[in-house]
C-alpha atoms as a PDB file:
ATOM      1  CA  UNK A   1       0.000   0.000   0.000  1.00  0.00           C
ATOM      2  CA  UNK A   2       1.269   3.484  -0.852  1.00  0.00           C
ATOM      3  CA  UNK A   3       2.566   5.367   2.149  1.00  0.00           C
ATOM      4  CA  UNK A   4       0.506   8.464   2.878  1.00  0.00           C
ATOM      5  CA  UNK A   5       2.059  11.898   3.150  1.00  0.00           C
ATOM      6  CA  UNK A   6       1.277  12.099   6.845  1.00  0.00           C
ATOM      7  CA  UNK A   7       3.269   8.905   7.468  1.00  0.00           C
ATOM      8  CA  UNK A   8       6.404  10.035   5.664  1.00  0.00           C
ATOM      9  CA  UNK A   9       9.457   9.851   7.904  1.00  0.00           C
ATOM     10  CA  UNK A  10      12.313  12.401   7.818  1.00  0.00           C
ATOM     11  CA  UNK A  11      14.478  10.299   5.436  1.00  0.00           C
ATOM     12  CA  UNK A  12      11.498  10.030   3.089  1.00  0.00           C
ATOM     13  CA  UNK A  13      10.958  13.779   3.280  1.00  0.00           C
ATOM     14  CA  UNK A  14      14.601  14.310   2.410  1.00  0.00           C
ATOM     15  CA  UNK A  15      14.234  11.984  -0.567  1.00  0.00           C
ATOM     16  CA  UNK A  16      11.112  13.868  -1.635  1.00  0.00           C
ATOM     17  CA  UNK A  17      12.975  17.172  -1.409  1.00  0.00           C
ATOM     18  CA  UNK A  18      15.950  15.888  -3.408  1.00  0.00           C
ATOM     19  CA  UNK A  19      13.726  14.241  -5.997  1.00  0.00           C
ATOM     20  CA  UNK A  20      11.710  17.374  -6.762  1.00  0.00           C
ATOM     21  CA  UNK A  21      14.758  19.629  -6.635  1.00  0.00           C
ATOM     22  CA  UNK A  22      16.615  17.392  -9.113  1.00  0.00           C
ATOM     23  CA  UNK A  23      13.666  16.900 -11.473  1.00  0.00           C
ATOM     24  CA  UNK A  24      12.786  20.598 -11.613  1.00  0.00           C
ATOM     25  CA  UNK A  25      16.438  21.637 -11.970  1.00  0.00           C
ATOM     26  CA  UNK A  26      16.893  19.279 -14.933  1.00  0.00           C
ATOM     27  CA  UNK A  27      13.622  20.409 -16.539  1.00  0.00           C
ATOM     28  CA  UNK A  28      14.576  24.073 -16.095  1.00  0.00           C
ATOM     29  CA  UNK A  29      17.979  23.523 -17.687  1.00  0.00           C
ATOM     30  CA  UNK A  30      16.215  21.823 -20.589  1.00  0.00           C
ATOM     31  CA  UNK A  31      13.847  24.773 -20.895  1.00  0.00           C
ATOM     32  CA  UNK A  32      16.660  27.331 -20.651  1.00  0.00           C
ATOM     33  CA  UNK A  33      18.333  25.607 -23.594  1.00  0.00           C
ATOM     34  CA  UNK A  34      15.313  26.574 -25.731  1.00  0.00           C
ATOM     35  CA  UNK A  35      15.685  30.285 -25.004  1.00  0.00           C
ATOM     36  CA  UNK A  36      16.692  32.179 -28.129  1.00  0.00           C
ATOM     37  CA  UNK A  37      17.135  35.795 -29.095  1.00  0.00           C
ATOM     38  CA  UNK A  38      15.585  37.891 -26.318  1.00  0.00           C
ATOM     39  CA  UNK A  39      12.562  35.677 -25.629  1.00  0.00           C
ATOM     40  CA  UNK A  40      11.631  33.426 -22.780  1.00  0.00           C
ATOM     41  CA  UNK A  41      11.982  29.684 -23.305  1.00  0.00           C
ATOM     42  CA  UNK A  42       9.893  28.370 -26.203  1.00  0.00           C
ATOM     43  CA  UNK A  43       9.475  25.095 -24.291  1.00  0.00           C
ATOM     44  CA  UNK A  44       9.360  25.122 -20.488  1.00  0.00           C
ATOM     45  CA  UNK A  45       8.543  21.621 -19.183  1.00  0.00           C
ATOM     46  CA  UNK A  46       9.244  22.256 -15.480  1.00  0.00           C
ATOM     47  CA  UNK A  47       5.838  23.654 -14.503  1.00  0.00           C
ATOM     48  CA  UNK A  48       3.755  21.008 -16.255  1.00  0.00           C
ATOM     49  CA  UNK A  49       5.936  18.149 -15.028  1.00  0.00           C
ATOM     50  CA  UNK A  50       5.719  19.444 -11.447  1.00  0.00           C
ATOM     51  CA  UNK A  51       1.940  19.763 -11.759  1.00  0.00           C
ATOM     52  CA  UNK A  52       1.676  16.348 -13.426  1.00  0.00           C
ATOM     53  CA  UNK A  53       3.647  14.621 -10.672  1.00  0.00           C
ATOM     54  CA  UNK A  54       1.500  16.217  -7.967  1.00  0.00           C
ATOM     55  CA  UNK A  55      -1.686  15.139  -9.751  1.00  0.00           C
ATOM     56  CA  UNK A  56      -0.491  11.657 -10.688  1.00  0.00           C
ATOM     57  CA  UNK A  57       1.056  10.869  -7.288  1.00  0.00           C
ATOM     58  CA  UNK A  58      -1.091  12.409  -4.498  1.00  0.00           C
ATOM     59  CA  UNK A  59       1.312  11.141  -1.816  1.00  0.00           C
ATOM     60  CA  UNK A  60       3.865  13.723  -3.008  1.00  0.00           C
ATOM     61  CA  UNK A  61       1.605  16.700  -2.173  1.00  0.00           C
ATOM     62  CA  UNK A  62       3.677  17.917   0.722  1.00  0.00           C
ATOM     63  CA  UNK A  63       5.222  21.342   1.438  1.00  0.00           C
ATOM     64  CA  UNK A  64       8.689  19.772   1.167  1.00  0.00           C
ATOM     65  CA  UNK A  65       7.947  18.938  -2.470  1.00  0.00           C
ATOM     66  CA  UNK A  66       7.320  22.617  -3.224  1.00  0.00           C
ATOM     67  CA  UNK A  67      10.437  23.622  -1.284  1.00  0.00           C
ATOM     68  CA  UNK A  68      12.487  21.211  -3.377  1.00  0.00           C
ATOM     69  CA  UNK A  69      10.892  22.491  -6.588  1.00  0.00           C
ATOM     70  CA  UNK A  70      11.588  26.122  -5.636  1.00  0.00           C
ATOM     71  CA  UNK A  71      15.217  25.264  -4.950  1.00  0.00           C
ATOM     72  CA  UNK A  72      15.393  23.587  -8.357  1.00  0.00           C
ATOM     73  CA  UNK A  73      13.968  26.685 -10.066  1.00  0.00           C
ATOM     74  CA  UNK A  74      16.335  29.044  -8.270  1.00  0.00           C
ATOM     75  CA  UNK A  75      19.439  26.937  -8.854  1.00  0.00           C
ATOM     76  CA  UNK A  76      18.728  26.536 -12.561  1.00  0.00           C
ATOM     77  CA  UNK A  77      18.398  30.264 -13.260  1.00  0.00           C
ATOM     78  CA  UNK A  78      21.258  31.070 -10.890  1.00  0.00           C
ATOM     79  CA  UNK A  79      23.506  28.898 -13.062  1.00  0.00           C
ATOM     80  CA  UNK A  80      22.670  31.296 -15.922  1.00  0.00           C
ATOM     81  CA  UNK A  81      23.670  34.353 -13.844  1.00  0.00           C
ATOM     82  CA  UNK A  82      20.083  35.578 -13.590  1.00  0.00           C
ATOM     83  CA  UNK A  83      19.805  38.405 -11.001  1.00  0.00           C
ATOM     84  CA  UNK A  84      18.431  37.126  -7.703  1.00  0.00           C
ATOM     85  CA  UNK A  85      15.310  39.328  -7.571  1.00  0.00           C
ATOM     86  CA  UNK A  86      14.426  38.500 -11.169  1.00  0.00           C
ATOM     87  CA  UNK A  87      15.029  34.840 -10.366  1.00  0.00           C
ATOM     88  CA  UNK A  88      12.601  35.083  -7.437  1.00  0.00           C
ATOM     89  CA  UNK A  89      10.013  36.785  -9.638  1.00  0.00           C
ATOM     90  CA  UNK A  90      10.195  34.099 -12.343  1.00  0.00           C
ATOM     91  CA  UNK A  91      10.111  31.327  -9.747  1.00  0.00           C
ATOM     92  CA  UNK A  92       7.082  32.796  -8.001  1.00  0.00           C
ATOM     93  CA  UNK A  93       5.244  33.069 -11.330  1.00  0.00           C
ATOM     94  CA  UNK A  94       6.032  29.415 -12.112  1.00  0.00           C
ATOM     95  CA  UNK A  95       4.939  28.149  -8.694  1.00  0.00           C
ATOM     96  CA  UNK A  96       1.802  30.339  -8.767  1.00  0.00           C
ATOM     97  CA  UNK A  97       0.638  28.537 -11.907  1.00  0.00           C
ATOM     98  CA  UNK A  98       1.193  25.106 -10.359  1.00  0.00           C
ATOM     99  CA  UNK A  99      -0.471  25.899  -7.023  1.00  0.00           C
ATOM    100  CA  UNK A 100      -3.505  27.612  -8.590  1.00  0.00           C
ATOM    101  CA  UNK A 101      -4.145  24.758 -11.027  1.00  0.00           C
ATOM    102  CA  UNK A 102      -3.560  22.076  -8.383  1.00  0.00           C
ATOM    103  CA  UNK A 103      -5.968  23.717  -5.889  1.00  0.00           C
ATOM    104  CA  UNK A 104      -8.699  23.868  -8.547  1.00  0.00           C
ATOM    105  CA  UNK A 105      -8.043  20.259  -9.542  1.00  0.00           C
ATOM    106  CA  UNK A 106      -8.276  18.997  -5.958  1.00  0.00           C
ATOM    107  CA  UNK A 107     -11.380  21.088  -5.278  1.00  0.00           C
ATOM    108  CA  UNK A 108     -13.368  19.881  -8.298  1.00  0.00           C
ATOM    109  CA  UNK A 109     -11.788  16.501  -9.121  1.00  0.00           C
ATOM    110  CA  UNK A 110     -14.452  14.401  -7.398  1.00  0.00           C
ATOM    111  CA  UNK A 111     -17.241  16.331  -9.120  1.00  0.00           C
ATOM    112  CA  UNK A 112     -15.634  15.953 -12.554  1.00  0.00           C
ATOM    113  CA  UNK A 113     -15.076  12.222 -12.224  1.00  0.00           C
ATOM    114  CA  UNK A 114     -18.600  11.672 -10.899  1.00  0.00           C
ATOM    115  CA  UNK A 115     -19.979  13.112 -14.127  1.00  0.00           C
ATOM    116  CA  UNK A 116     -18.558  10.062 -15.905  1.00  0.00           C
ATOM    117  CA  UNK A 117     -18.771  11.589 -19.376  1.00  0.00           C
ATOM    118  CA  UNK A 118     -15.097  11.668 -20.354  1.00  0.00           C
ATOM    119  CA  UNK A 119     -14.775  15.447 -20.227  1.00  0.00           C
ATOM    120  CA  UNK A 120     -11.884  15.307 -17.776  1.00  0.00           C
ATOM    121  CA  UNK A 121      -9.364  17.059 -20.029  1.00  0.00           C
ATOM    122  CA  UNK A 122     -11.710  19.905 -20.864  1.00  0.00           C
ATOM    123  CA  UNK A 123     -12.027  20.691 -17.161  1.00  0.00           C
ATOM    124  CA  UNK A 124      -8.332  20.109 -16.476  1.00  0.00           C
ATOM    125  CA  UNK A 125      -7.260  22.504 -19.207  1.00  0.00           C
ATOM    126  CA  UNK A 126      -9.801  25.023 -17.948  1.00  0.00           C
ATOM    127  CA  UNK A 127      -8.037  24.869 -14.579  1.00  0.00           C
ATOM    128  CA  UNK A 128      -4.702  25.242 -16.382  1.00  0.00           C
ATOM    129  CA  UNK A 129      -6.055  28.345 -18.106  1.00  0.00           C
ATOM    130  CA  UNK A 130      -6.934  29.905 -14.746  1.00  0.00           C
ATOM    131  CA  UNK A 131      -3.511  28.996 -13.365  1.00  0.00           C
ATOM    132  CA  UNK A 132      -1.755  30.276 -16.482  1.00  0.00           C
ATOM    133  CA  UNK A 133      -3.743  33.512 -16.357  1.00  0.00           C
ATOM    134  CA  UNK A 134      -2.734  34.182 -12.744  1.00  0.00           C
ATOM    135  CA  UNK A 135       0.891  33.358 -13.518  1.00  0.00           C
ATOM    136  CA  UNK A 136       1.052  35.412 -16.714  1.00  0.00           C
ATOM    137  CA  UNK A 137      -0.652  38.390 -15.065  1.00  0.00           C
ATOM    138  CA  UNK A 138       1.926  38.399 -12.292  1.00  0.00           C
ATOM    139  CA  UNK A 139       4.806  38.059 -14.774  1.00  0.00           C
ATOM    140  CA  UNK A 140       3.473  40.721 -17.146  1.00  0.00           C
ATOM    141  CA  UNK A 141       2.989  43.180 -14.258  1.00  0.00           C
ATOM    142  CA  UNK A 142       6.325  42.618 -12.516  1.00  0.00           C
ATOM    143  CA  UNK A 143       8.881  41.846 -15.242  1.00  0.00           C
ATOM    144  CA  UNK A 144       8.884  45.406 -16.685  1.00  0.00           C
ATOM    145  CA  UNK A 145      10.291  46.644 -13.351  1.00  0.00           C
ATOM    146  CA  UNK A 146      13.453  44.645 -13.944  1.00  0.00           C
ATOM    147  CA  UNK A 147      16.188  45.490 -16.385  1.00  0.00           C
ATOM    148  CA  UNK A 148      15.676  42.272 -18.270  1.00  0.00           C
ATOM    149  CA  UNK A 149      15.654  41.133 -21.874  1.00  0.00           C
ATOM    150  CA  UNK A 150      12.576  38.979 -21.236  1.00  0.00           C
ATOM    151  CA  UNK A 151      10.015  41.772 -21.485  1.00  0.00           C
ATOM    152  CA  UNK A 152       8.565  41.729 -24.985  1.00  0.00           C
ATOM    153  CA  UNK A 153       7.450  45.318 -25.399  1.00  0.00           C
ATOM    154  CA  UNK A 154       3.890  45.577 -24.110  1.00  0.00           C
ATOM    155  CA  UNK A 155       1.729  44.227 -21.307  1.00  0.00           C
ATOM    156  CA  UNK A 156      -0.602  42.305 -23.635  1.00  0.00           C
ATOM    157  CA  UNK A 157       2.243  40.729 -25.572  1.00  0.00           C
ATOM    158  CA  UNK A 158       3.954  39.587 -22.373  1.00  0.00           C
ATOM    159  CA  UNK A 159       0.652  38.286 -21.013  1.00  0.00           C
ATOM    160  CA  UNK A 160      -0.268  36.420 -24.210  1.00  0.00           C
ATOM    161  CA  UNK A 161       3.169  34.916 -24.760  1.00  0.00           C
ATOM    162  CA  UNK A 162       3.467  33.607 -21.180  1.00  0.00           C
ATOM    163  CA  UNK A 163      -0.163  32.392 -21.084  1.00  0.00           C
ATOM    164  CA  UNK A 164      -0.020  30.469 -24.366  1.00  0.00           C
ATOM    165  CA  UNK A 165       3.344  28.963 -23.435  1.00  0.00           C
ATOM    166  CA  UNK A 166       1.927  27.549 -20.187  1.00  0.00           C
ATOM    167  CA  UNK A 167      -1.137  26.053 -21.893  1.00  0.00           C
ATOM    168  CA  UNK A 168       0.965  24.668 -24.727  1.00  0.00           C
ATOM    169  CA  UNK A 169       3.302  22.900 -22.305  1.00  0.00           C
ATOM    170  CA  UNK A 170       0.354  21.573 -20.314  1.00  0.00           C
ATOM    171  CA  UNK A 171      -1.199  20.071 -23.429  1.00  0.00           C
ATOM    172  CA  UNK A 172       2.070  18.467 -24.496  1.00  0.00           C
ATOM    173  CA  UNK A 173       2.990  16.943 -21.132  1.00  0.00           C
ATOM    174  CA  UNK A 174       0.098  16.646 -18.667  1.00  0.00           C
ATOM    175  CA  UNK A 175      -2.031  14.037 -20.513  1.00  0.00           C
ATOM    176  CA  UNK A 176       0.895  11.612 -20.840  1.00  0.00           C
ATOM    177  CA  UNK A 177       1.951  12.026 -17.198  1.00  0.00           C
ATOM    178  CA  UNK A 178      -1.572  11.654 -15.795  1.00  0.00           C
ATOM    179  CA  UNK A 179      -2.523   8.655 -17.956  1.00  0.00           C
ATOM    180  CA  UNK A 180       0.844   6.902 -17.601  1.00  0.00           C
ATOM    181  CA  UNK A 181       0.200   3.207 -16.818  1.00  0.00           C
ATOM    182  CA  UNK A 182       2.051   1.192 -14.206  1.00  0.00           C
ATOM    183  CA  UNK A 183       5.028  -0.944 -15.238  1.00  0.00           C
ATOM    184  CA  UNK A 184       3.030  -4.134 -15.852  1.00  0.00           C
ATOM    185  CA  UNK A 185       0.424  -2.368 -17.987  1.00  0.00           C
ATOM    186  CA  UNK A 186       3.158  -0.492 -19.841  1.00  0.00           C
ATOM    187  CA  UNK A 187       4.913  -3.743 -20.770  1.00  0.00           C
ATOM    188  CA  UNK A 188       1.594  -5.181 -21.904  1.00  0.00           C
ATOM    189  CA  UNK A 189       0.962  -2.184 -24.139  1.00  0.00           C
ATOM    190  CA  UNK A 190       4.456  -2.496 -25.613  1.00  0.00           C
ATOM    191  CA  UNK A 191       3.720  -6.119 -26.492  1.00  0.00           C
ATOM    192  CA  UNK A 192       0.486  -5.063 -28.168  1.00  0.00           C
ATOM    193  CA  UNK A 193       2.325  -2.444 -30.207  1.00  0.00           C
ATOM    194  CA  UNK A 194       4.937  -4.970 -31.348  1.00  0.00           C
ATOM    195  CA  UNK A 195       2.255  -7.423 -32.492  1.00  0.00           C
ATOM    196  CA  UNK A 196       0.164  -4.843 -34.344  1.00  0.00           C
ATOM    197  CA  UNK A 197      -0.841  -5.711 -37.884  1.00  0.00           C
ATOM    198  CA  UNK A 198      -0.424  -3.313 -40.779  1.00  0.00           C
ATOM    199  CA  UNK A 199      -4.136  -2.575 -40.686  1.00  0.00           C
ATOM    200  CA  UNK A 200      -3.987  -1.708 -36.971  1.00  0.00           C
ATOM    201  CA  UNK A 201      -1.040   0.619 -37.647  1.00  0.00           C
ATOM    202  CA  UNK A 202      -2.853   2.610 -40.340  1.00  0.00           C
ATOM    203  CA  UNK A 203      -3.954   5.455 -37.997  1.00  0.00           C
ATOM    204  CA  UNK A 204      -0.342   6.014 -36.918  1.00  0.00           C
ATOM    205  CA  UNK A 205       0.852   5.916 -40.534  1.00  0.00           C
ATOM    206  CA  UNK A 206      -1.855   8.464 -41.363  1.00  0.00           C
ATOM    207  CA  UNK A 207      -0.519  10.820 -38.682  1.00  0.00           C
ATOM    208  CA  UNK A 208       3.050  10.500 -39.966  1.00  0.00           C
ATOM    209  CA  UNK A 209       1.932  11.004 -43.566  1.00  0.00           C
ATOM    210  CA  UNK A 210      -0.118  14.100 -42.702  1.00  0.00           C
ATOM    211  CA  UNK A 211       2.824  15.614 -40.813  1.00  0.00           C
ATOM    212  CA  UNK A 212       5.133  14.990 -43.761  1.00  0.00           C
ATOM    213  CA  UNK A 213       2.667  16.670 -46.130  1.00  0.00           C
ATOM    214  CA  UNK A 214       2.354  19.583 -43.721  1.00  0.00           C
ATOM    215  CA  UNK A 215       6.143  19.877 -43.532  1.00  0.00           C
ATOM    216  CA  UNK A 216       6.426  20.549 -47.263  1.00  0.00           C
ATOM    217  CA  UNK A 217       3.306  22.713 -47.477  1.00  0.00           C
ATOM    218  CA  UNK A 218       4.096  26.338 -46.721  1.00  0.00           C
ATOM    219  CA  UNK A 219       0.435  27.318 -46.371  1.00  0.00           C
ATOM    220  CA  UNK A 220      -1.188  28.142 -43.006  1.00  0.00           C
ATOM    221  CA  UNK A 221      -3.630  25.250 -43.400  1.00  0.00           C
ATOM    222  CA  UNK A 222      -0.804  22.743 -42.947  1.00  0.00           C
ATOM    223  CA  UNK A 223      -1.161  23.276 -39.206  1.00  0.00           C
ATOM    224  CA  UNK A 224      -4.407  21.289 -39.181  1.00  0.00           C
ATOM    225  CA  UNK A 225      -3.455  18.440 -41.523  1.00  0.00           C
ATOM    226  CA  UNK A 226      -2.956  15.851 -38.732  1.00  0.00           C
ATOM    227  CA  UNK A 227      -6.275  16.496 -36.924  1.00  0.00           C
ATOM    228  CA  UNK A 228      -8.312  13.798 -38.741  1.00  0.00           C
ATOM    229  CA  UNK A 229      -5.551  11.210 -38.336  1.00  0.00           C
ATOM    230  CA  UNK A 230      -5.180  12.042 -34.632  1.00  0.00           C
ATOM    231  CA  UNK A 231      -8.909  11.564 -34.062  1.00  0.00           C
ATOM    232  CA  UNK A 232      -8.633   8.235 -35.910  1.00  0.00           C
ATOM    233  CA  UNK A 233      -5.891   7.244 -33.449  1.00  0.00           C
ATOM    234  CA  UNK A 234      -8.114   8.379 -30.565  1.00  0.00           C
ATOM    235  CA  UNK A 235     -10.803   5.941 -31.706  1.00  0.00           C
ATOM    236  CA  UNK A 236      -8.460   2.985 -32.252  1.00  0.00           C
ATOM    237  CA  UNK A 237      -5.622   3.093 -29.704  1.00  0.00           C
ATOM    238  CA  UNK A 238      -5.268   3.016 -25.948  1.00  0.00           C
ATOM    239  CA  UNK A 239      -5.501   6.383 -24.242  1.00  0.00           C
ATOM    240  CA  UNK A 240      -1.852   6.558 -23.161  1.00  0.00           C
ATOM    241  CA  UNK A 241      -0.700   5.804 -26.715  1.00  0.00           C
ATOM    242  CA  UNK A 242      -2.943   8.587 -27.992  1.00  0.00           C
ATOM    243  CA  UNK A 243      -1.426  11.094 -25.552  1.00  0.00           C
ATOM    244  CA  UNK A 244       2.101  10.207 -26.717  1.00  0.00           C
ATOM    245  CA  UNK A 245       1.226  10.373 -30.424  1.00  0.00           C
ATOM    246  CA  UNK A 246      -0.616  13.671 -29.960  1.00  0.00           C
ATOM    247  CA  UNK A 247       2.181  15.246 -27.902  1.00  0.00           C
ATOM    248  CA  UNK A 248       4.940  14.265 -30.326  1.00  0.00           C
ATOM    249  CA  UNK A 249       2.913  15.387 -33.341  1.00  0.00           C
ATOM    250  CA  UNK A 250       2.058  18.772 -31.857  1.00  0.00           C
ATOM    251  CA  UNK A 251       5.602  19.335 -30.563  1.00  0.00           C
ATOM    252  CA  UNK A 252       6.987  18.792 -34.060  1.00  0.00           C
ATOM    253  CA  UNK A 253       4.376  21.053 -35.644  1.00  0.00           C
ATOM    254  CA  UNK A 254       5.000  23.824 -33.113  1.00  0.00           C
ATOM    255  CA  UNK A 255       8.753  23.689 -33.665  1.00  0.00           C
ATOM    256  CA  UNK A 256       8.585  23.462 -37.449  1.00  0.00           C
ATOM    257  CA  UNK A 257       5.901  26.097 -38.000  1.00  0.00           C
ATOM    258  CA  UNK A 258       7.397  28.516 -35.474  1.00  0.00           C
ATOM    259  CA  UNK A 259      10.838  28.277 -37.047  1.00  0.00           C
ATOM    260  CA  UNK A 260       9.344  28.706 -40.523  1.00  0.00           C
ATOM    261  CA  UNK A 261       7.512  31.869 -39.538  1.00  0.00           C
ATOM    262  CA  UNK A 262      10.588  33.159 -37.712  1.00  0.00           C
ATOM    263  CA  UNK A 263      12.544  32.961 -40.965  1.00  0.00           C
ATOM    264  CA  UNK A 264       9.763  34.310 -43.179  1.00  0.00           C
ATOM    265  CA  UNK A 265       8.395  37.056 -40.907  1.00  0.00           C
ATOM    266  CA  UNK A 266      10.953  37.888 -38.180  1.00  0.00           C
ATOM    267  CA  UNK A 267       9.196  41.189 -37.399  1.00  0.00           C
ATOM    268  CA  UNK A 268       5.908  39.390 -36.676  1.00  0.00           C
ATOM    269  CA  UNK A 269       7.380  36.385 -34.903  1.00  0.00           C
ATOM    270  CA  UNK A 270       5.748  37.040 -31.528  1.00  0.00           C
ATOM    271  CA  UNK A 271       2.235  37.493 -32.900  1.00  0.00           C
ATOM    272  CA  UNK A 272       2.635  34.471 -35.181  1.00  0.00           C
ATOM    273  CA  UNK A 273       3.938  32.323 -32.335  1.00  0.00           C
ATOM    274  CA  UNK A 274       1.001  33.225 -30.088  1.00  0.00           C
ATOM    275  CA  UNK A 275      -1.434  32.476 -32.929  1.00  0.00           C
ATOM    276  CA  UNK A 276       0.242  29.128 -33.695  1.00  0.00           C
ATOM    277  CA  UNK A 277       0.107  28.103 -30.048  1.00  0.00           C
ATOM    278  CA  UNK A 278      -3.590  28.936 -29.782  1.00  0.00           C
ATOM    279  CA  UNK A 279      -4.299  26.923 -32.933  1.00  0.00           C
ATOM    280  CA  UNK A 280      -2.335  23.924 -31.641  1.00  0.00           C
ATOM    281  CA  UNK A 281      -4.121  24.131 -28.292  1.00  0.00           C
ATOM    282  CA  UNK A 282      -7.499  23.851 -30.017  1.00  0.00           C
ATOM    283  CA  UNK A 283      -6.247  21.023 -32.224  1.00  0.00           C
ATOM    284  CA  UNK A 284      -4.758  19.023 -29.346  1.00  0.00           C
ATOM    285  CA  UNK A 285      -7.876  19.119 -27.180  1.00  0.00           C
ATOM    286  CA  UNK A 286      -9.953  17.353 -29.861  1.00  0.00           C
ATOM    287  CA  UNK A 287      -8.202  13.933 -30.030  1.00  0.00           C
ATOM    288  CA  UNK A 288      -7.564  13.876 -26.275  1.00  0.00           C
ATOM    289  CA  UNK A 289     -11.237  14.493 -25.518  1.00  0.00           C
ATOM    290  CA  UNK A 290     -12.354  11.922 -28.101  1.00  0.00           C
ATOM    291  CA  UNK A 291      -9.943   9.379 -26.624  1.00  0.00           C
ATOM    292  CA  UNK A 292     -11.116  10.113 -23.082  1.00  0.00           C
ATOM    293  CA  UNK A 293     -14.785   9.758 -24.049  1.00  0.00           C
ATOM    294  CA  UNK A 294     -14.024   6.578 -25.986  1.00  0.00           C
ATOM    295  CA  UNK A 295     -12.205   5.149 -22.948  1.00  0.00           C
ATOM    296  CA  UNK A 296     -15.178   5.871 -20.690  1.00  0.00           C
ATOM    297  CA  UNK A 297     -17.560   4.385 -23.251  1.00  0.00           C
ATOM    298  CA  UNK A 298     -15.506   1.188 -23.511  1.00  0.00           C
ATOM    299  CA  UNK A 299     -15.446   0.852 -19.736  1.00  0.00           C
ATOM    300  CA  UNK A 300     -19.225   1.300 -19.528  1.00  0.00           C
ATOM    301  CA  UNK A 301     -19.772  -1.301 -22.243  1.00  0.00           C
ATOM    302  CA  UNK A 302     -17.574  -3.793 -20.353  1.00  0.00           C
ATOM    303  CA  UNK A 303     -19.509  -3.146 -17.140  1.00  0.00           C
ATOM    304  CA  UNK A 304     -22.817  -3.569 -18.970  1.00  0.00           C
ATOM    305  CA  UNK A 305     -21.671  -6.831 -20.563  1.00  0.00           C
ATOM    306  CA  UNK A 306     -20.603  -8.145 -17.158  1.00  0.00           C
ATOM    307  CA  UNK A 307     -23.964  -7.225 -15.619  1.00  0.00           C
ATOM    308  CA  UNK A 308     -25.861  -8.940 -18.439  1.00  0.00           C
ATOM    309  CA  UNK A 309     -23.706 -12.087 -18.288  1.00  0.00           C
ATOM    310  CA  UNK A 310     -23.583 -12.573 -14.496  1.00  0.00           C
ATOM    311  CA  UNK A 311     -26.117 -13.072 -11.740  1.00  0.00           C
ATOM    312  CA  UNK A 312     -26.279 -10.081  -9.394  1.00  0.00           C
ATOM    313  CA  UNK A 313     -26.202 -12.128  -6.170  1.00  0.00           C
ATOM    314  CA  UNK A 314     -23.894 -15.059  -6.957  1.00  0.00           C
ATOM    315  CA  UNK A 315     -21.776 -13.490  -9.725  1.00  0.00           C
ATOM    316  CA  UNK A 316     -22.139 -16.759 -11.644  1.00  0.00           C
ATOM    317  CA  UNK A 317     -23.003 -16.865 -15.344  1.00  0.00           C
ATOM    318  CA  UNK A 318     -26.658 -16.440 -16.202  1.00  0.00           C
ATOM    319  CA  UNK A 319     -28.458 -19.332 -17.876  1.00  0.00           C
ATOM    320  CA  UNK A 320     -28.477 -17.585 -21.253  1.00  0.00           C
ATOM    321  CA  UNK A 321     -24.778 -16.704 -21.080  1.00  0.00           C
ATOM    322  CA  UNK A 322     -23.889 -20.235 -19.961  1.00  0.00           C
ATOM    323  CA  UNK A 323     -25.708 -21.738 -22.950  1.00  0.00           C
ATOM    324  CA  UNK A 324     -24.002 -19.289 -25.327  1.00  0.00           C
ATOM    325  CA  UNK A 325     -20.585 -20.143 -23.843  1.00  0.00           C
ATOM    326  CA  UNK A 326     -21.230 -23.879 -24.267  1.00  0.00           C
ATOM    327  CA  UNK A 327     -22.313 -23.355 -27.876  1.00  0.00           C
ATOM    328  CA  UNK A 328     -19.146 -21.415 -28.605  1.00  0.00           C
ATOM    329  CA  UNK A 329     -16.970 -24.163 -27.082  1.00  0.00           C
ATOM    330  CA  UNK A 330     -18.741 -26.815 -29.169  1.00  0.00           C
END
C-alpha cells in the first residue's frame, strides 16, 4: 500500500525534497536551452511536469515537495547568472501557476469524475487556463520593473506569450503524465504495439503522412493536416498511446511552423507564435477528448456486458450466457 504523506518519515521527506529539486532543476535547464534571441523559453517543461507529478502521485503533495521544486527553479536560473530578484520573480510566477491549477483540480476533481462523461481534459485545461492567467498576469505586471531582456514590449504581448506557453506545455505533457500506466500495464501495451498488424497501424501511418505533407506545405492550413488522423488514433488506440502520439505530433508542428515563420516574418514572430500556439491548443484538445470519451464508453460497455452475463447475487453466469458459452466451445 502506498505510504501516505502524513506517514512520511524524515528520510522520506529528504528523498522527496531531493527528488523534486533534481527533477525541476533538470527540466529548467532543458527549458533554458530553448531560449533564443531575447525571448523566454519556447518550451518550459518544469511547470507542467511538477503539476503532473503532484496530480499523478497524491502522496507527493507535501510542502517539502514545493520547497524542493523552488530550490530547483532558483538553482537553474542562478547557473545562468540571472539576477536574484528576477530569479525570485520568475520562480514565483512558475509556482503560482502550479499551485492555482492544483488547488482547482483537488477542489473539483471528485465532481468531474462523478460526471462520468469523459470530459476530464476539458475541465483540467480550464483549470490550467486559470492557473496560467494568474501566472502570466503576475509576470506581465512585474517583469517590466526589472532590467531584463525577457520583457517583450507591451503588457498584452507579455501576457499572451506567457499564457499560451503555459497552456501549450500543459497540453504536451500533462495528458501523458496523468494517464501513464504502471510498469506491468506499460509492458503489456508495448507487447500489443509490437504485435500490431499493418491494418492496426494505419492510424499512426496516417498521422506520420499528414505531418510529412504539412512539412512541405508552406500554407497556413498545414497546421491542421494531422487532426483527422489524430482523431482516428483516438478511436483505435489506448488512451496513453494517444497522448504520446498527440504530444509528439504537436511538438513537431509547433517547432517546425514557429521556425518557418521566424525565418519568413521575423518582425511578426511574436504574434505568429502566439497564434500558432492557440491553434495547436485547439487542435490538441480534440483527439484527447475523443480518446477520453471513448475510454469511458468502452469501460461502460464492459460493465454492462458483465452485468448482463452474471447473476447479481452469486456473480455466476446467467443461464443464457452459460448456454451461449457452451455453444461457442462446441
